[in-house]
Each structure stands twice: as structure tokens, then as C-alpha cells.
C-alpha atoms as a PDB file:
ATOM      1  CA  UNK A   1     -10.481   8.917  30.468  1.00  0.00           C
ATOM      2  CA  UNK A   2     -10.337  12.614  29.689  1.00  0.00           C
ATOM      3  CA  UNK A   3     -11.480  14.213  26.461  1.00  0.00           C
ATOM      4  CA  UNK A   4      -7.882  14.928  25.459  1.00  0.00           C
ATOM      5  CA  UNK A   5      -6.941  11.258  25.954  1.00  0.00           C
ATOM      6  CA  UNK A   6      -9.952  10.180  23.842  1.00  0.00           C
ATOM      7  CA  UNK A   7      -8.834  12.515  21.010  1.00  0.00           C
ATOM      8  CA  UNK A   8      -5.452  10.764  21.090  1.00  0.00           C
ATOM      9  CA  UNK A   9      -6.392   7.122  21.664  1.00  0.00           C
ATOM     10  CA  UNK A  10      -9.443   6.692  19.387  1.00  0.00           C
ATOM     11  CA  UNK A  11      -7.839   8.008  16.174  1.00  0.00           C
ATOM     12  CA  UNK A  12      -4.836   5.743  16.784  1.00  0.00           C
ATOM     13  CA  UNK A  13      -7.181   2.810  17.424  1.00  0.00           C
ATOM     14  CA  UNK A  14      -9.092   3.420  14.176  1.00  0.00           C
ATOM     15  CA  UNK A  15      -5.828   3.847  12.269  1.00  0.00           C
ATOM     16  CA  UNK A  16      -4.538   0.503  13.586  1.00  0.00           C
ATOM     17  CA  UNK A  17      -7.814  -1.245  12.745  1.00  0.00           C
ATOM     18  CA  UNK A  18      -7.868   0.299   9.269  1.00  0.00           C
ATOM     19  CA  UNK A  19      -4.303  -0.824   8.533  1.00  0.00           C
ATOM     20  CA  UNK A  20      -5.084  -4.334   9.741  1.00  0.00           C
ATOM     21  CA  UNK A  21      -8.188  -4.572   7.526  1.00  0.00           C
ATOM     22  CA  UNK A  22      -6.334  -3.098   4.554  1.00  0.00           C
ATOM     23  CA  UNK A  23      -3.630  -5.741   4.791  1.00  0.00           C
ATOM     24  CA  UNK A  24      -6.294  -8.445   4.483  1.00  0.00           C
ATOM     25  CA  UNK A  25      -8.545  -6.719   1.926  1.00  0.00           C
ATOM     26  CA  UNK A  26      -5.879  -5.430  -0.503  1.00  0.00           C
ATOM     27  CA  UNK A  27      -3.239  -7.978  -1.595  1.00  0.00           C
ATOM     28  CA  UNK A  28       0.286  -6.598  -1.882  1.00  0.00           C
ATOM     29  CA  UNK A  29       1.374  -8.685  -4.878  1.00  0.00           C
ATOM     30  CA  UNK A  30       0.853  -7.301  -8.352  1.00  0.00           C
ATOM     31  CA  UNK A  31      -1.529  -9.022 -10.703  1.00  0.00           C
ATOM     32  CA  UNK A  32       0.075 -10.767 -13.673  1.00  0.00           C
ATOM     33  CA  UNK A  33      -2.841  -9.877 -15.931  1.00  0.00           C
ATOM     34  CA  UNK A  34      -6.166  -8.157 -15.802  1.00  0.00           C
ATOM     35  CA  UNK A  35      -9.055  -9.259 -17.982  1.00  0.00           C
ATOM     36  CA  UNK A  36     -10.833  -6.330 -19.600  1.00  0.00           C
ATOM     37  CA  UNK A  37     -13.706  -6.716 -22.052  1.00  0.00           C
ATOM     38  CA  UNK A  38     -12.987  -3.475 -23.920  1.00  0.00           C
ATOM     39  CA  UNK A  39     -10.339  -0.878 -23.279  1.00  0.00           C
ATOM     40  CA  UNK A  40     -11.518   2.628 -24.089  1.00  0.00           C
ATOM     41  CA  UNK A  41      -9.387   5.706 -23.656  1.00  0.00           C
ATOM     42  CA  UNK A  42      -9.233   9.157 -25.155  1.00  0.00           C
ATOM     43  CA  UNK A  43      -5.473   9.158 -24.604  1.00  0.00           C
ATOM     44  CA  UNK A  44      -2.996   6.521 -23.499  1.00  0.00           C
ATOM     45  CA  UNK A  45       0.470   7.578 -22.386  1.00  0.00           C
ATOM     46  CA  UNK A  46       3.254   5.072 -21.878  1.00  0.00           C
ATOM     47  CA  UNK A  47       6.964   4.668 -22.556  1.00  0.00           C
ATOM     48  CA  UNK A  48       6.893   1.337 -24.331  1.00  0.00           C
ATOM     49  CA  UNK A  49       4.443  -1.168 -25.804  1.00  0.00           C
ATOM     50  CA  UNK A  50       5.432  -4.806 -26.260  1.00  0.00           C
ATOM     51  CA  UNK A  51       3.168  -7.418 -27.876  1.00  0.00           C
ATOM     52  CA  UNK A  52       4.189 -10.985 -27.114  1.00  0.00           C
ATOM     53  CA  UNK A  53       3.080 -14.386 -28.344  1.00  0.00           C
ATOM     54  CA  UNK A  54       1.789 -16.956 -25.840  1.00  0.00           C
ATOM     55  CA  UNK A  55       5.329 -18.389 -25.508  1.00  0.00           C
ATOM     56  CA  UNK A  56       6.825 -14.972 -24.626  1.00  0.00           C
ATOM     57  CA  UNK A  57       8.356 -14.197 -28.037  1.00  0.00           C
ATOM     58  CA  UNK A  58       8.256 -10.472 -28.759  1.00  0.00           C
ATOM     59  CA  UNK A  59       6.275  -9.881 -31.970  1.00  0.00           C
ATOM     60  CA  UNK A  60       5.941  -6.071 -31.970  1.00  0.00           C
ATOM     61  CA  UNK A  61       7.966  -3.575 -29.985  1.00  0.00           C
ATOM     62  CA  UNK A  62       7.146   0.147 -29.929  1.00  0.00           C
ATOM     63  CA  UNK A  63       9.376   2.484 -28.000  1.00  0.00           C
ATOM     64  CA  UNK A  64      12.416   4.716 -28.097  1.00  0.00           C
ATOM     65  CA  UNK A  65      15.446   4.233 -30.288  1.00  0.00           C
ATOM     66  CA  UNK A  66      18.228   2.664 -28.251  1.00  0.00           C
ATOM     67  CA  UNK A  67      21.022   5.111 -27.504  1.00  0.00           C
ATOM     68  CA  UNK A  68      19.119   8.273 -28.507  1.00  0.00           C
ATOM     69  CA  UNK A  69      16.720   9.495 -31.120  1.00  0.00           C
ATOM     70  CA  UNK A  70      12.962   9.338 -31.363  1.00  0.00           C
ATOM     71  CA  UNK A  71      10.416   6.558 -31.665  1.00  0.00           C
ATOM     72  CA  UNK A  72      10.633   3.200 -33.400  1.00  0.00           C
ATOM     73  CA  UNK A  73       8.277   0.337 -34.234  1.00  0.00           C
ATOM     74  CA  UNK A  74       9.832  -3.098 -34.754  1.00  0.00           C
ATOM     75  CA  UNK A  75       7.788  -5.952 -36.202  1.00  0.00           C
ATOM     76  CA  UNK A  76       9.244  -9.430 -35.760  1.00  0.00           C
ATOM     77  CA  UNK A  77       8.433 -12.895 -37.071  1.00  0.00           C
ATOM     78  CA  UNK A  78       7.206 -15.850 -34.987  1.00  0.00           C
ATOM     79  CA  UNK A  79      10.801 -16.555 -33.860  1.00  0.00           C
ATOM     80  CA  UNK A  80      11.327 -12.987 -32.606  1.00  0.00           C
ATOM     81  CA  UNK A  81      13.666 -12.065 -35.489  1.00  0.00           C
ATOM     82  CA  UNK A  82      13.327  -8.539 -36.942  1.00  0.00           C
ATOM     83  CA  UNK A  83      11.258  -8.370 -40.150  1.00  0.00           C
ATOM     84  CA  UNK A  84      10.666  -4.624 -40.574  1.00  0.00           C
ATOM     85  CA  UNK A  85      11.321  -1.484 -38.552  1.00  0.00           C
ATOM     86  CA  UNK A  86       9.934   2.035 -38.889  1.00  0.00           C
ATOM     87  CA  UNK A  87      11.328   4.993 -37.024  1.00  0.00           C
ATOM     88  CA  UNK A  88      14.187   7.418 -36.656  1.00  0.00           C
ATOM     89  CA  UNK A  89      17.856   6.617 -36.884  1.00  0.00           C
ATOM     90  CA  UNK A  90      19.970   7.019 -33.744  1.00  0.00           C
ATOM     91  CA  UNK A  91      22.576   9.183 -35.542  1.00  0.00           C
ATOM     92  CA  UNK A  92      20.209  11.851 -36.889  1.00  0.00           C
ATOM     93  CA  UNK A  93      16.569  12.891 -36.996  1.00  0.00           C
ATOM     94  CA  UNK A  94      15.733  11.430 -40.396  1.00  0.00           C
ATOM     95  CA  UNK A  95      13.053   8.753 -40.617  1.00  0.00           C
ATOM     96  CA  UNK A  96      13.699   5.310 -42.000  1.00  0.00           C
ATOM     97  CA  UNK A  97      11.965   2.101 -43.029  1.00  0.00           C
ATOM     98  CA  UNK A  98      14.271  -0.877 -42.584  1.00  0.00           C
ATOM     99  CA  UNK A  99      13.664  -4.378 -43.908  1.00  0.00           C
ATOM    100  CA  UNK A 100      15.395  -7.552 -42.783  1.00  0.00           C
ATOM    101  CA  UNK A 101      15.931 -10.963 -44.392  1.00  0.00           C
ATOM    102  CA  UNK A 102      14.929 -14.307 -42.847  1.00  0.00           C
ATOM    103  CA  UNK A 103      18.035 -14.273 -40.626  1.00  0.00           C
ATOM    104  CA  UNK A 104      17.345 -10.778 -39.280  1.00  0.00           C
ATOM    105  CA  UNK A 105      20.103  -9.099 -41.321  1.00  0.00           C
ATOM    106  CA  UNK A 106      19.366  -5.751 -43.028  1.00  0.00           C
ATOM    107  CA  UNK A 107      18.003  -6.184 -46.567  1.00  0.00           C
ATOM    108  CA  UNK A 108      16.589  -4.023 -49.363  1.00  0.00           C
ATOM    109  CA  UNK A 109      12.894  -3.151 -48.956  1.00  0.00           C
ATOM    110  CA  UNK A 110      10.750  -4.162 -51.958  1.00  0.00           C
END
């Protein structure tokens, strides 16, 4: 085997072996959850934060206003019904605090 052939064959051999080992060592499926003792960050950037109960009910949702506008935080009860919301209105840039009754209908904030 000539030197030129070695420079072609051996890198391809190592590439094939590396890909084969990677397929075994790194699982392709995503993890459903990761257990972290403490999360420390100077800055966290994301588009949306959703806090759910054990049964999957959304308790707090932080994200963008649907349709347009800025940010919004929605706090819900144990059934997932809106209790209070803080954020901007979709129609304009003014901020708002919105309260809801037990059925999730808009109510006067006390």
C-alpha cells in the first residue's frame, strides 16, 4: 500500500469506527427530564417558561402575548383556569393586571 493510499484509507477507517462507537455511546432519543441539584446561571435566555403540576396541568405560563405585543405572565389555579395575568395588551403597548373569577372569566381586581 502506498503512502497516498494510506492517507486515504486510514482516515476513512477511523471515521467509520468513530461513527459506529458514537451510535452506541450517545443515544439519539431526547431525555424527558434531567435531574440537577442546583441550577446556577448568570443569564438564562428562552422563549417560554411553563410550570406544570405532576398531572400536566399548566400552573404558570410566561411568554409572549398571543397575536402580538410583549410579554405576559399567567398564573392559573390547580385546574388550569386563569386566576391572574400580568403583561401587555395585544392591541397596544400599555401594561395590565387582569384578574379572573373562579370560572376563568375576567373580573375586577381587589
